[in-house]
Amino acid sequence: MFTMTKFWERFFYIATFITQGSSYLSARAYAIMHRMHHAYSDTERDPHSPYFFRSVVAMMWRSKAIYYDLVTKRMQPGDNFEKNCPDWKSFDIFADRFLLRLAWGGLYVLFYVFFASAWWMYLLLPIHFLMGPVQGAIVNWCGHKYGYVNFKDTDDHSRNSLPFDFITMGELFQNNHHKFPSRPNFKARFFEFDPTYPIMKVLSWVRIIHFSKPPQK
């Protein structure tokens, strides 16, 4: 969809680590999994298709196994999946340490100790601990099981779960995205709205990112 300089690539690596915290995902491994998801969508080779698992937990557990095989490079996906992927090996080794993930969890607990005003707020902690897997579960389970279809020729079960995706910032337009995987705006019809696209436009205007080609209407 877009390119950026090495400086901004490293900047967003660090920003992602700070915002994802205990559920940090390697940009390289995530990019490869996403490309595999498009190449093998809703087949047995798809890293996270809901059509081969009884529960969303089982689906994400398999995704976790594939992710760690990619991080540790036990899995060699080939150049067609790795080409032009962002890669900062030393940072990923640092950010993926289990003790560091526990430390992030401890910081979340301390935040609640100081600022929570009711006991039930502590029930939100598991979501903070596992925000990355929670987001992935919502997108890949709901986005391929529930909603409406604009394009029936995608050779998968992708769907658009919401016409205004305020939950995952546009990623629940899975049917539109699978039809036009390189288009930065996931909107396809007049009543749809992808809230991430205006943010990308601003980043383009200030020359932080550069669209690979003019955005398709």
N, C-alpha and C. Protein backbone atom coordinates (compact mmCIF):
# COMPACT_ATOMS: atom_id res chain seq x y z
N MET A 1 0.82 -1.21 0.00
CA MET A 1 0.00 0.00 0.00
C MET A 1 0.85 1.26 0.00
N PHE A 2 1.94 1.26 0.79
CA PHE A 2 2.76 2.46 0.91
C PHE A 2 4.17 2.07 1.33
N THR A 3 5.06 3.03 1.20
CA THR A 3 6.44 2.85 1.67
C THR A 3 6.77 3.97 2.65
N MET A 4 7.86 3.80 3.37
CA MET A 4 8.35 4.84 4.27
C MET A 4 9.87 4.70 4.38
N THR A 5 10.51 5.74 4.88
CA THR A 5 11.96 5.70 5.04
C THR A 5 12.32 4.76 6.18
N LYS A 6 13.59 4.39 6.23
CA LYS A 6 14.07 3.51 7.29
C LYS A 6 13.89 4.16 8.67
N PHE A 7 14.06 5.48 8.74
CA PHE A 7 13.85 6.18 10.01
C PHE A 7 12.42 5.98 10.51
N TRP A 8 11.44 6.22 9.66
CA TRP A 8 10.04 6.09 10.09
C TRP A 8 9.67 4.63 10.34
N GLU A 9 10.29 3.73 9.60
CA GLU A 9 10.04 2.31 9.86
C GLU A 9 10.48 1.95 11.27
N ARG A 10 11.67 2.39 11.66
CA ARG A 10 12.15 2.12 13.01
C ARG A 10 11.31 2.86 14.06
N PHE A 11 10.90 4.09 13.74
CA PHE A 11 10.05 4.86 14.65
C PHE A 11 8.77 4.10 14.96
N PHE A 12 8.11 3.56 13.93
CA PHE A 12 6.86 2.85 14.15
C PHE A 12 7.07 1.47 14.78
N TYR A 13 8.24 0.88 14.58
CA TYR A 13 8.59 -0.33 15.32
C TYR A 13 8.51 -0.04 16.82
N ILE A 14 9.18 1.03 17.24
CA ILE A 14 9.22 1.38 18.67
C ILE A 14 7.85 1.81 19.16
N ALA A 15 7.12 2.60 18.34
CA ALA A 15 5.78 3.03 18.73
C ALA A 15 4.84 1.84 18.89
N THR A 16 4.99 0.85 18.01
CA THR A 16 4.17 -0.36 18.11
C THR A 16 4.48 -1.11 19.39
N PHE A 17 5.76 -1.19 19.72
CA PHE A 17 6.16 -1.88 20.96
C PHE A 17 5.56 -1.18 22.18
N ILE A 18 5.57 0.14 22.19
CA ILE A 18 5.05 0.89 23.33
C ILE A 18 3.53 0.72 23.44
N THR A 19 2.82 0.76 22.33
CA THR A 19 1.36 0.69 22.38
C THR A 19 0.83 -0.73 22.52
N GLN A 20 1.53 -1.72 21.94
CA GLN A 20 1.07 -3.10 22.08
C GLN A 20 1.55 -3.75 23.38
N GLY A 21 2.69 -3.32 23.87
CA GLY A 21 3.16 -3.80 25.16
C GLY A 21 3.28 -5.30 25.25
N SER A 22 2.51 -5.89 26.15
CA SER A 22 2.64 -7.33 26.42
C SER A 22 2.22 -8.21 25.24
N SER A 23 1.46 -7.67 24.30
CA SER A 23 1.05 -8.46 23.14
C SER A 23 1.73 -8.00 21.86
N TYR A 24 2.97 -7.47 21.99
CA TYR A 24 3.73 -7.00 20.84
C TYR A 24 3.90 -8.10 19.80
N LEU A 25 3.71 -7.74 18.52
CA LEU A 25 3.89 -8.68 17.42
C LEU A 25 4.97 -8.16 16.49
N SER A 26 5.87 -9.02 16.11
CA SER A 26 6.92 -8.68 15.16
C SER A 26 6.28 -8.25 13.84
N ALA A 27 6.70 -7.08 13.32
CA ALA A 27 6.14 -6.60 12.05
C ALA A 27 6.45 -7.57 10.92
N ARG A 28 7.65 -8.15 10.92
CA ARG A 28 8.01 -9.10 9.87
C ARG A 28 7.12 -10.33 9.91
N ALA A 29 7.01 -10.94 11.09
CA ALA A 29 6.21 -12.16 11.21
C ALA A 29 4.74 -11.90 10.92
N TYR A 30 4.25 -10.75 11.38
CA TYR A 30 2.85 -10.42 11.14
C TYR A 30 2.60 -10.22 9.65
N ALA A 31 3.53 -9.52 8.96
CA ALA A 31 3.38 -9.28 7.53
C ALA A 31 3.35 -10.59 6.75
N ILE A 32 4.23 -11.52 7.12
CA ILE A 32 4.27 -12.81 6.42
C ILE A 32 2.97 -13.57 6.65
N MET A 33 2.48 -13.58 7.89
CA MET A 33 1.22 -14.27 8.18
C MET A 33 0.07 -13.65 7.40
N HIS A 34 0.08 -12.33 7.28
CA HIS A 34 -1.00 -11.66 6.54
C HIS A 34 -0.95 -12.03 5.06
N ARG A 35 0.24 -12.12 4.51
CA ARG A 35 0.36 -12.52 3.10
C ARG A 35 -0.06 -13.98 2.91
N MET A 36 0.27 -14.82 3.86
CA MET A 36 -0.17 -16.22 3.80
C MET A 36 -1.69 -16.31 3.89
N HIS A 37 -2.27 -15.46 4.74
CA HIS A 37 -3.73 -15.44 4.89
C HIS A 37 -4.41 -15.10 3.57
N HIS A 38 -3.84 -14.16 2.82
CA HIS A 38 -4.43 -13.81 1.53
C HIS A 38 -4.17 -14.89 0.48
N ALA A 39 -2.99 -15.46 0.49
CA ALA A 39 -2.65 -16.48 -0.51
C ALA A 39 -3.47 -17.76 -0.33
N TYR A 40 -3.74 -18.12 0.93
CA TYR A 40 -4.42 -19.39 1.22
C TYR A 40 -5.75 -19.17 1.94
N SER A 41 -6.41 -18.06 1.67
CA SER A 41 -7.57 -17.66 2.47
C SER A 41 -8.63 -18.75 2.57
N ASP A 42 -8.96 -19.08 3.83
CA ASP A 42 -10.00 -20.05 4.17
C ASP A 42 -9.74 -21.44 3.60
N THR A 43 -8.46 -21.78 3.45
CA THR A 43 -8.07 -23.16 3.15
C THR A 43 -7.30 -23.69 4.36
N GLU A 44 -6.89 -24.94 4.32
CA GLU A 44 -6.17 -25.53 5.45
C GLU A 44 -4.81 -24.89 5.68
N ARG A 45 -4.27 -24.20 4.67
CA ARG A 45 -2.96 -23.55 4.81
C ARG A 45 -3.07 -22.12 5.32
N ASP A 46 -4.29 -21.63 5.50
CA ASP A 46 -4.51 -20.30 6.04
C ASP A 46 -4.12 -20.30 7.52
N PRO A 47 -3.26 -19.36 7.96
CA PRO A 47 -2.86 -19.33 9.38
C PRO A 47 -4.01 -19.09 10.34
N HIS A 48 -5.08 -18.44 9.90
CA HIS A 48 -6.18 -18.16 10.80
C HIS A 48 -7.52 -18.09 10.06
N SER A 49 -8.00 -19.23 9.61
CA SER A 49 -9.34 -19.31 9.04
C SER A 49 -10.27 -19.93 10.07
N PRO A 50 -11.47 -19.38 10.29
CA PRO A 50 -12.39 -19.95 11.29
C PRO A 50 -13.08 -21.22 10.84
N TYR A 51 -12.84 -21.68 9.62
CA TYR A 51 -13.59 -22.81 9.09
C TYR A 51 -12.92 -24.16 9.34
N PHE A 52 -11.84 -24.17 10.09
CA PHE A 52 -11.18 -25.44 10.39
C PHE A 52 -11.00 -25.66 11.89
N PHE A 53 -11.71 -24.84 12.69
CA PHE A 53 -11.56 -24.92 14.14
C PHE A 53 -12.93 -24.79 14.81
N ARG A 54 -13.08 -25.47 15.93
CA ARG A 54 -14.36 -25.45 16.64
C ARG A 54 -14.56 -24.16 17.42
N SER A 55 -13.46 -23.50 17.77
CA SER A 55 -13.58 -22.28 18.58
C SER A 55 -12.56 -21.25 18.13
N VAL A 56 -12.82 -20.01 18.51
CA VAL A 56 -11.90 -18.94 18.18
C VAL A 56 -10.57 -19.11 18.92
N VAL A 57 -10.61 -19.71 20.11
CA VAL A 57 -9.38 -19.94 20.87
C VAL A 57 -8.48 -20.93 20.14
N ALA A 58 -9.07 -22.00 19.59
CA ALA A 58 -8.28 -22.99 18.85
C ALA A 58 -7.67 -22.37 17.60
N MET A 59 -8.43 -21.51 16.93
CA MET A 59 -7.91 -20.84 15.74
C MET A 59 -6.70 -19.98 16.08
N MET A 60 -6.82 -19.18 17.15
CA MET A 60 -5.74 -18.28 17.50
C MET A 60 -4.54 -19.03 18.09
N TRP A 61 -4.77 -20.19 18.70
CA TRP A 61 -3.66 -20.98 19.21
C TRP A 61 -2.79 -21.48 18.04
N ARG A 62 -3.44 -21.85 16.94
CA ARG A 62 -2.68 -22.26 15.76
C ARG A 62 -1.93 -21.06 15.17
N SER A 63 -2.58 -19.89 15.16
CA SER A 63 -1.92 -18.69 14.67
C SER A 63 -0.68 -18.38 15.51
N LYS A 64 -0.80 -18.58 16.82
CA LYS A 64 0.33 -18.34 17.72
C LYS A 64 1.50 -19.27 17.38
N ALA A 65 1.20 -20.54 17.10
CA ALA A 65 2.27 -21.49 16.77
C ALA A 65 2.98 -21.09 15.49
N ILE A 66 2.22 -20.69 14.48
CA ILE A 66 2.83 -20.27 13.21
C ILE A 66 3.63 -18.99 13.41
N TYR A 67 3.10 -18.07 14.21
CA TYR A 67 3.80 -16.81 14.48
C TYR A 67 5.18 -17.09 15.10
N TYR A 68 5.25 -17.96 16.10
CA TYR A 68 6.53 -18.22 16.74
C TYR A 68 7.48 -18.99 15.83
N ASP A 69 6.94 -19.81 14.94
CA ASP A 69 7.80 -20.46 13.95
C ASP A 69 8.43 -19.43 13.01
N LEU A 70 7.68 -18.37 12.71
CA LEU A 70 8.21 -17.31 11.86
C LEU A 70 9.21 -16.43 12.60
N VAL A 71 8.91 -16.12 13.87
CA VAL A 71 9.81 -15.30 14.67
C VAL A 71 11.15 -15.99 14.87
N THR A 72 11.10 -17.28 15.18
CA THR A 72 12.33 -18.04 15.41
C THR A 72 12.95 -18.54 14.11
N LYS A 73 12.24 -18.31 12.99
CA LYS A 73 12.69 -18.70 11.65
C LYS A 73 12.82 -20.21 11.50
N ARG A 74 12.04 -20.94 12.30
CA ARG A 74 11.92 -22.38 12.05
C ARG A 74 11.12 -22.63 10.78
N MET A 75 10.23 -21.70 10.44
CA MET A 75 9.47 -21.77 9.19
C MET A 75 10.11 -20.85 8.18
N GLN A 76 10.38 -21.35 6.99
CA GLN A 76 10.94 -20.56 5.90
C GLN A 76 9.86 -20.42 4.83
N PRO A 77 9.13 -19.30 4.82
CA PRO A 77 7.98 -19.17 3.94
C PRO A 77 8.32 -18.92 2.47
N GLY A 78 9.55 -18.51 2.18
CA GLY A 78 9.94 -18.25 0.80
C GLY A 78 9.93 -16.77 0.47
N ASP A 79 10.66 -16.41 -0.61
CA ASP A 79 10.82 -15.01 -0.98
C ASP A 79 9.50 -14.34 -1.34
N ASN A 80 8.55 -15.11 -1.88
CA ASN A 80 7.29 -14.49 -2.28
C ASN A 80 6.52 -13.95 -1.09
N PHE A 81 6.78 -14.47 0.11
CA PHE A 81 6.12 -13.97 1.31
C PHE A 81 7.00 -12.97 2.09
N GLU A 82 8.30 -13.07 1.93
CA GLU A 82 9.21 -12.24 2.72
C GLU A 82 9.67 -10.97 2.02
N LYS A 83 9.47 -10.87 0.72
CA LYS A 83 10.00 -9.74 -0.05
C LYS A 83 9.48 -8.41 0.51
N ASN A 84 10.42 -7.50 0.75
CA ASN A 84 10.12 -6.14 1.22
C ASN A 84 9.43 -6.07 2.58
N CYS A 85 9.51 -7.13 3.37
CA CYS A 85 8.94 -7.09 4.72
C CYS A 85 9.84 -6.24 5.62
N PRO A 86 9.27 -5.45 6.51
CA PRO A 86 10.10 -4.75 7.50
C PRO A 86 10.78 -5.77 8.40
N ASP A 87 12.01 -5.50 8.77
CA ASP A 87 12.74 -6.48 9.59
C ASP A 87 13.77 -5.76 10.44
N TRP A 88 13.65 -5.92 11.75
CA TRP A 88 14.61 -5.37 12.71
C TRP A 88 14.88 -6.49 13.71
N LYS A 89 15.75 -7.38 13.33
CA LYS A 89 15.96 -8.62 14.06
C LYS A 89 16.33 -8.40 15.51
N SER A 90 17.30 -7.52 15.78
CA SER A 90 17.76 -7.30 17.16
C SER A 90 16.64 -6.74 18.03
N PHE A 91 15.81 -5.86 17.47
CA PHE A 91 14.71 -5.30 18.25
C PHE A 91 13.67 -6.36 18.55
N ASP A 92 13.37 -7.21 17.58
CA ASP A 92 12.38 -8.27 17.79
C ASP A 92 12.85 -9.25 18.86
N ILE A 93 14.13 -9.55 18.89
CA ILE A 93 14.67 -10.44 19.93
C ILE A 93 14.46 -9.81 21.30
N PHE A 94 14.73 -8.50 21.40
CA PHE A 94 14.52 -7.79 22.66
C PHE A 94 13.04 -7.74 23.05
N ALA A 95 12.17 -7.36 22.10
CA ALA A 95 10.76 -7.11 22.41
C ALA A 95 9.98 -8.39 22.65
N ASP A 96 10.48 -9.52 22.17
CA ASP A 96 9.72 -10.77 22.25
C ASP A 96 10.05 -11.58 23.50
N ARG A 97 10.85 -11.05 24.41
CA ARG A 97 11.22 -11.80 25.62
C ARG A 97 10.02 -11.95 26.57
N PHE A 98 9.87 -13.15 27.09
CA PHE A 98 8.73 -13.44 27.96
C PHE A 98 8.74 -12.58 29.22
N LEU A 99 9.92 -12.39 29.80
CA LEU A 99 10.01 -11.58 31.02
C LEU A 99 9.61 -10.14 30.76
N LEU A 100 9.92 -9.65 29.56
CA LEU A 100 9.52 -8.29 29.22
C LEU A 100 8.00 -8.19 29.08
N ARG A 101 7.38 -9.22 28.54
CA ARG A 101 5.91 -9.23 28.45
C ARG A 101 5.30 -9.24 29.85
N LEU A 102 5.91 -9.99 30.77
CA LEU A 102 5.43 -10.00 32.15
C LEU A 102 5.59 -8.62 32.79
N ALA A 103 6.68 -7.95 32.46
CA ALA A 103 6.91 -6.61 33.01
C ALA A 103 5.83 -5.64 32.53
N TRP A 104 5.47 -5.73 31.25
CA TRP A 104 4.38 -4.90 30.75
C TRP A 104 3.10 -5.18 31.53
N GLY A 105 2.81 -6.47 31.75
CA GLY A 105 1.62 -6.83 32.52
C GLY A 105 1.64 -6.24 33.92
N GLY A 106 2.83 -6.24 34.54
CA GLY A 106 2.96 -5.64 35.86
C GLY A 106 2.67 -4.14 35.84
N LEU A 107 3.11 -3.46 34.79
CA LEU A 107 2.83 -2.02 34.67
C LEU A 107 1.33 -1.77 34.52
N TYR A 108 0.66 -2.64 33.78
CA TYR A 108 -0.80 -2.48 33.63
C TYR A 108 -1.49 -2.62 34.98
N VAL A 109 -1.07 -3.63 35.74
CA VAL A 109 -1.68 -3.85 37.06
C VAL A 109 -1.44 -2.64 37.96
N LEU A 110 -0.22 -2.10 37.96
CA LEU A 110 0.08 -0.93 38.78
C LEU A 110 -0.77 0.27 38.37
N PHE A 111 -0.99 0.43 37.08
CA PHE A 111 -1.83 1.53 36.61
C PHE A 111 -3.23 1.41 37.21
N TYR A 112 -3.77 0.20 37.23
CA TYR A 112 -5.11 -0.01 37.79
C TYR A 112 -5.10 0.21 39.31
N VAL A 113 -4.04 -0.21 39.96
CA VAL A 113 -3.96 -0.01 41.41
C VAL A 113 -4.07 1.47 41.75
N PHE A 114 -3.43 2.31 40.95
CA PHE A 114 -3.42 3.75 41.24
C PHE A 114 -4.65 4.48 40.72
N PHE A 115 -5.26 3.98 39.64
CA PHE A 115 -6.29 4.79 38.99
C PHE A 115 -7.67 4.13 38.91
N ALA A 116 -7.78 2.83 39.11
CA ALA A 116 -9.11 2.19 39.04
C ALA A 116 -9.99 2.69 40.17
N SER A 117 -11.23 3.03 39.84
CA SER A 117 -12.15 3.56 40.84
C SER A 117 -13.20 2.54 41.27
N ALA A 118 -13.18 1.34 40.70
CA ALA A 118 -14.14 0.30 41.07
C ALA A 118 -13.50 -1.07 40.82
N TRP A 119 -13.93 -2.07 41.57
CA TRP A 119 -13.32 -3.40 41.49
C TRP A 119 -13.50 -4.03 40.12
N TRP A 120 -14.67 -3.77 39.49
CA TRP A 120 -14.95 -4.44 38.21
C TRP A 120 -14.00 -4.00 37.10
N MET A 121 -13.34 -2.87 37.27
CA MET A 121 -12.40 -2.41 36.24
C MET A 121 -11.24 -3.38 36.06
N TYR A 122 -10.89 -4.09 37.15
CA TYR A 122 -9.80 -5.06 37.06
C TYR A 122 -10.13 -6.20 36.10
N LEU A 123 -11.41 -6.41 35.81
CA LEU A 123 -11.82 -7.46 34.87
C LEU A 123 -11.38 -7.13 33.44
N LEU A 124 -11.00 -5.89 33.21
CA LEU A 124 -10.52 -5.49 31.88
C LEU A 124 -9.06 -5.85 31.65
N LEU A 125 -8.36 -6.21 32.72
CA LEU A 125 -6.92 -6.48 32.59
C LEU A 125 -6.58 -7.57 31.57
N PRO A 126 -7.32 -8.69 31.51
CA PRO A 126 -6.96 -9.71 30.50
C PRO A 126 -6.99 -9.16 29.08
N ILE A 127 -7.88 -8.19 28.81
CA ILE A 127 -7.92 -7.61 27.47
C ILE A 127 -6.64 -6.82 27.21
N HIS A 128 -6.15 -6.10 28.23
CA HIS A 128 -4.90 -5.36 28.08
C HIS A 128 -3.71 -6.32 27.90
N PHE A 129 -3.72 -7.42 28.65
CA PHE A 129 -2.62 -8.39 28.52
C PHE A 129 -2.55 -8.98 27.11
N LEU A 130 -3.72 -9.20 26.50
CA LEU A 130 -3.79 -9.96 25.25
C LEU A 130 -4.45 -9.18 24.12
N MET A 131 -4.23 -7.87 24.09
CA MET A 131 -4.90 -7.03 23.10
C MET A 131 -4.61 -7.47 21.67
N GLY A 132 -3.38 -7.86 21.36
CA GLY A 132 -3.04 -8.30 20.00
C GLY A 132 -3.84 -9.53 19.58
N PRO A 133 -3.80 -10.62 20.36
CA PRO A 133 -4.61 -11.78 20.02
C PRO A 133 -6.12 -11.50 20.00
N VAL A 134 -6.60 -10.62 20.89
CA VAL A 134 -8.02 -10.28 20.90
C VAL A 134 -8.41 -9.60 19.58
N GLN A 135 -7.58 -8.66 19.15
CA GLN A 135 -7.85 -7.97 17.88
C GLN A 135 -7.81 -8.96 16.72
N GLY A 136 -6.80 -9.83 16.71
CA GLY A 136 -6.70 -10.82 15.64
C GLY A 136 -7.87 -11.78 15.63
N ALA A 137 -8.35 -12.17 16.80
CA ALA A 137 -9.48 -13.08 16.89
C ALA A 137 -10.74 -12.43 16.33
N ILE A 138 -10.97 -11.16 16.68
CA ILE A 138 -12.16 -10.46 16.18
C ILE A 138 -12.12 -10.35 14.66
N VAL A 139 -10.99 -9.90 14.12
CA VAL A 139 -10.89 -9.68 12.68
C VAL A 139 -11.03 -10.99 11.91
N ASN A 140 -10.27 -12.00 12.31
CA ASN A 140 -10.22 -13.22 11.50
C ASN A 140 -11.39 -14.16 11.73
N TRP A 141 -12.01 -14.11 12.89
CA TRP A 141 -13.19 -14.94 13.14
C TRP A 141 -14.44 -14.23 12.61
N CYS A 142 -14.70 -13.03 13.09
CA CYS A 142 -15.92 -12.32 12.68
C CYS A 142 -15.85 -11.90 11.21
N GLY A 143 -14.67 -11.48 10.76
CA GLY A 143 -14.54 -11.01 9.39
C GLY A 143 -14.66 -12.08 8.33
N HIS A 144 -14.71 -13.34 8.74
CA HIS A 144 -14.91 -14.43 7.78
C HIS A 144 -16.14 -15.28 8.12
N LYS A 145 -16.96 -14.79 9.06
CA LYS A 145 -18.17 -15.54 9.41
C LYS A 145 -19.43 -14.69 9.44
N TYR A 146 -19.31 -13.41 9.82
CA TYR A 146 -20.50 -12.61 10.06
C TYR A 146 -20.47 -11.32 9.23
N GLY A 147 -21.62 -11.00 8.64
CA GLY A 147 -21.73 -9.74 7.93
C GLY A 147 -22.22 -9.92 6.50
N TYR A 148 -22.00 -8.92 5.69
CA TYR A 148 -22.51 -8.89 4.32
C TYR A 148 -21.35 -8.97 3.33
N VAL A 149 -21.70 -9.29 2.08
CA VAL A 149 -20.70 -9.49 1.03
C VAL A 149 -20.95 -8.51 -0.11
N ASN A 150 -19.93 -7.75 -0.48
CA ASN A 150 -19.99 -6.90 -1.67
C ASN A 150 -19.48 -7.62 -2.91
N PHE A 151 -18.47 -8.49 -2.72
CA PHE A 151 -17.82 -9.16 -3.84
C PHE A 151 -17.84 -10.67 -3.60
N LYS A 152 -18.48 -11.41 -4.48
CA LYS A 152 -18.63 -12.85 -4.31
C LYS A 152 -17.56 -13.65 -5.04
N ASP A 153 -16.63 -12.97 -5.70
CA ASP A 153 -15.62 -13.65 -6.49
C ASP A 153 -14.25 -13.62 -5.83
N THR A 154 -14.22 -13.65 -4.49
CA THR A 154 -12.94 -13.60 -3.78
C THR A 154 -12.38 -14.99 -3.45
N ASP A 155 -13.12 -16.06 -3.77
CA ASP A 155 -12.68 -17.43 -3.52
C ASP A 155 -12.42 -17.71 -2.04
N ASP A 156 -13.15 -17.03 -1.16
CA ASP A 156 -13.06 -17.30 0.26
C ASP A 156 -14.39 -16.91 0.91
N HIS A 157 -14.42 -16.92 2.24
CA HIS A 157 -15.65 -16.60 2.97
C HIS A 157 -15.60 -15.21 3.61
N SER A 158 -14.75 -14.34 3.12
CA SER A 158 -14.59 -13.03 3.74
C SER A 158 -15.89 -12.22 3.69
N ARG A 159 -16.10 -11.44 4.75
CA ARG A 159 -17.31 -10.63 4.88
C ARG A 159 -16.96 -9.27 5.46
N ASN A 160 -17.88 -8.34 5.29
CA ASN A 160 -17.78 -7.03 5.94
C ASN A 160 -18.71 -7.05 7.14
N SER A 161 -18.14 -7.01 8.33
CA SER A 161 -18.95 -7.16 9.54
C SER A 161 -19.70 -5.89 9.91
N LEU A 162 -19.14 -4.72 9.58
CA LEU A 162 -19.75 -3.44 9.95
C LEU A 162 -19.58 -2.43 8.81
N PRO A 163 -20.59 -1.64 8.50
CA PRO A 163 -20.42 -0.59 7.49
C PRO A 163 -19.55 0.57 7.98
N PHE A 164 -19.50 0.76 9.31
CA PHE A 164 -18.56 1.71 9.91
C PHE A 164 -17.82 0.95 11.00
N ASP A 165 -16.61 0.55 10.69
CA ASP A 165 -15.87 -0.32 11.60
C ASP A 165 -15.15 0.52 12.66
N PHE A 166 -15.87 0.82 13.72
CA PHE A 166 -15.29 1.59 14.82
C PHE A 166 -14.58 0.68 15.83
N ILE A 167 -14.68 -0.64 15.65
CA ILE A 167 -14.09 -1.59 16.60
C ILE A 167 -12.62 -1.86 16.27
N THR A 168 -12.33 -2.17 15.01
CA THR A 168 -10.95 -2.50 14.62
C THR A 168 -10.42 -1.54 13.56
N MET A 169 -10.99 -0.35 13.48
CA MET A 169 -10.47 0.72 12.61
C MET A 169 -10.38 0.30 11.14
N GLY A 170 -11.41 -0.39 10.67
CA GLY A 170 -11.49 -0.72 9.25
C GLY A 170 -11.15 -2.13 8.88
N GLU A 171 -10.53 -2.90 9.77
CA GLU A 171 -10.11 -4.25 9.40
C GLU A 171 -11.26 -5.24 9.29
N LEU A 172 -12.44 -4.86 9.74
CA LEU A 172 -13.59 -5.75 9.58
C LEU A 172 -14.26 -5.59 8.22
N PHE A 173 -13.67 -4.79 7.32
CA PHE A 173 -14.07 -4.80 5.91
C PHE A 173 -13.28 -5.89 5.19
N GLN A 174 -13.37 -7.10 5.65
CA GLN A 174 -12.55 -8.17 5.12
C GLN A 174 -12.89 -8.52 3.67
N ASN A 175 -14.16 -8.49 3.32
CA ASN A 175 -14.53 -8.82 1.94
C ASN A 175 -13.97 -7.79 0.96
N ASN A 176 -14.10 -6.52 1.29
CA ASN A 176 -13.52 -5.47 0.44
C ASN A 176 -12.01 -5.61 0.34
N HIS A 177 -11.38 -5.90 1.47
CA HIS A 177 -9.92 -6.00 1.52
C HIS A 177 -9.41 -7.19 0.73
N HIS A 178 -10.13 -8.31 0.77
CA HIS A 178 -9.69 -9.48 0.02
C HIS A 178 -9.91 -9.29 -1.49
N LYS A 179 -10.87 -8.46 -1.85
CA LYS A 179 -11.07 -8.15 -3.27
C LYS A 179 -9.98 -7.20 -3.77
N PHE A 180 -9.63 -6.19 -2.96
CA PHE A 180 -8.61 -5.21 -3.34
C PHE A 180 -7.55 -5.16 -2.24
N PRO A 181 -6.68 -6.17 -2.15
CA PRO A 181 -5.77 -6.27 -1.01
C PRO A 181 -4.72 -5.17 -0.90
N SER A 182 -4.39 -4.49 -2.00
CA SER A 182 -3.36 -3.44 -1.94
C SER A 182 -3.96 -2.05 -1.88
N ARG A 183 -5.26 -1.93 -1.78
CA ARG A 183 -5.90 -0.61 -1.72
C ARG A 183 -5.91 -0.11 -0.28
N PRO A 184 -5.43 1.09 -0.01
CA PRO A 184 -5.36 1.58 1.38
C PRO A 184 -6.71 1.89 1.99
N ASN A 185 -7.70 2.26 1.18
CA ASN A 185 -9.04 2.55 1.70
C ASN A 185 -9.88 1.29 1.59
N PHE A 186 -10.28 0.71 2.73
CA PHE A 186 -11.04 -0.53 2.71
C PHE A 186 -12.52 -0.30 2.37
N LYS A 187 -12.95 0.92 2.28
CA LYS A 187 -14.31 1.24 1.88
C LYS A 187 -14.52 0.87 0.42
N ALA A 188 -15.73 0.35 0.08
CA ALA A 188 -16.03 0.03 -1.32
C ALA A 188 -17.38 0.61 -1.76
N ARG A 189 -18.28 0.86 -0.81
CA ARG A 189 -19.60 1.39 -1.16
C ARG A 189 -19.84 2.71 -0.45
N PHE A 190 -20.82 3.47 -0.93
CA PHE A 190 -21.00 4.85 -0.47
C PHE A 190 -21.31 4.96 1.01
N PHE A 191 -21.95 3.94 1.59
CA PHE A 191 -22.35 4.01 3.00
C PHE A 191 -21.29 3.47 3.95
N GLU A 192 -20.16 3.02 3.43
CA GLU A 192 -19.11 2.45 4.26
C GLU A 192 -18.07 3.54 4.62
N PHE A 193 -17.42 3.33 5.74
CA PHE A 193 -16.38 4.28 6.17
C PHE A 193 -15.26 3.54 6.86
N ASP A 194 -14.05 3.71 6.35
CA ASP A 194 -12.85 3.13 6.93
C ASP A 194 -12.12 4.23 7.70
N PRO A 195 -12.15 4.22 9.04
CA PRO A 195 -11.58 5.34 9.80
C PRO A 195 -10.06 5.43 9.76
N THR A 196 -9.39 4.38 9.31
CA THR A 196 -7.92 4.44 9.23
C THR A 196 -7.45 5.21 8.00
N TYR A 197 -8.23 5.18 6.94
CA TYR A 197 -7.79 5.82 5.70
C TYR A 197 -7.51 7.32 5.85
N PRO A 198 -8.37 8.10 6.51
CA PRO A 198 -8.03 9.52 6.69
C PRO A 198 -6.73 9.73 7.45
N ILE A 199 -6.43 8.83 8.40
CA ILE A 199 -5.16 8.93 9.13
C ILE A 199 -4.00 8.70 8.17
N MET A 200 -4.14 7.71 7.29
CA MET A 200 -3.10 7.44 6.30
C MET A 200 -2.94 8.62 5.35
N LYS A 201 -4.04 9.28 5.00
CA LYS A 201 -3.95 10.45 4.12
C LYS A 201 -3.13 11.57 4.79
N VAL A 202 -3.37 11.78 6.08
CA VAL A 202 -2.61 12.80 6.81
C VAL A 202 -1.13 12.44 6.83
N LEU A 203 -0.83 11.17 7.11
CA LEU A 203 0.57 10.72 7.12
C LEU A 203 1.21 10.91 5.75
N SER A 204 0.42 10.76 4.69
CA SER A 204 0.93 10.97 3.34
C SER A 204 1.16 12.45 3.08
N TRP A 205 0.25 13.30 3.52
CA TRP A 205 0.39 14.74 3.32
C TRP A 205 1.66 15.29 3.98
N VAL A 206 1.99 14.76 5.15
CA VAL A 206 3.19 15.24 5.85
C VAL A 206 4.42 14.42 5.48
N ARG A 207 4.29 13.56 4.47
CA ARG A 207 5.39 12.80 3.86
C ARG A 207 6.05 11.79 4.80
N ILE A 208 5.25 11.26 5.72
CA ILE A 208 5.75 10.17 6.55
C ILE A 208 5.62 8.84 5.80
N ILE A 209 4.50 8.68 5.08
CA ILE A 209 4.34 7.51 4.21
C ILE A 209 4.16 8.00 2.78
N HIS A 210 4.40 7.10 1.83
CA HIS A 210 4.24 7.41 0.42
C HIS A 210 3.43 6.29 -0.22
N PHE A 211 2.22 6.60 -0.67
CA PHE A 211 1.39 5.59 -1.31
C PHE A 211 2.11 5.01 -2.52
N SER A 212 2.04 3.71 -2.66
CA SER A 212 2.75 3.04 -3.76
C SER A 212 2.18 3.40 -5.11
N LYS A 213 0.88 3.68 -5.16
CA LYS A 213 0.23 4.14 -6.38
C LYS A 213 -0.98 4.95 -5.97
N PRO A 214 -1.55 5.76 -6.87
CA PRO A 214 -2.70 6.57 -6.48
C PRO A 214 -3.81 5.69 -5.91
N PRO A 215 -4.39 6.08 -4.77
CA PRO A 215 -5.47 5.27 -4.17
C PRO A 215 -6.61 5.06 -5.14
N GLN A 216 -7.06 3.81 -5.26
CA GLN A 216 -8.16 3.49 -6.17
C GLN A 216 -9.48 4.01 -5.62
N LYS A 217 -10.33 4.53 -6.50
CA LYS A 217 -11.64 4.99 -6.06
C LYS A 217 -12.60 3.81 -6.00
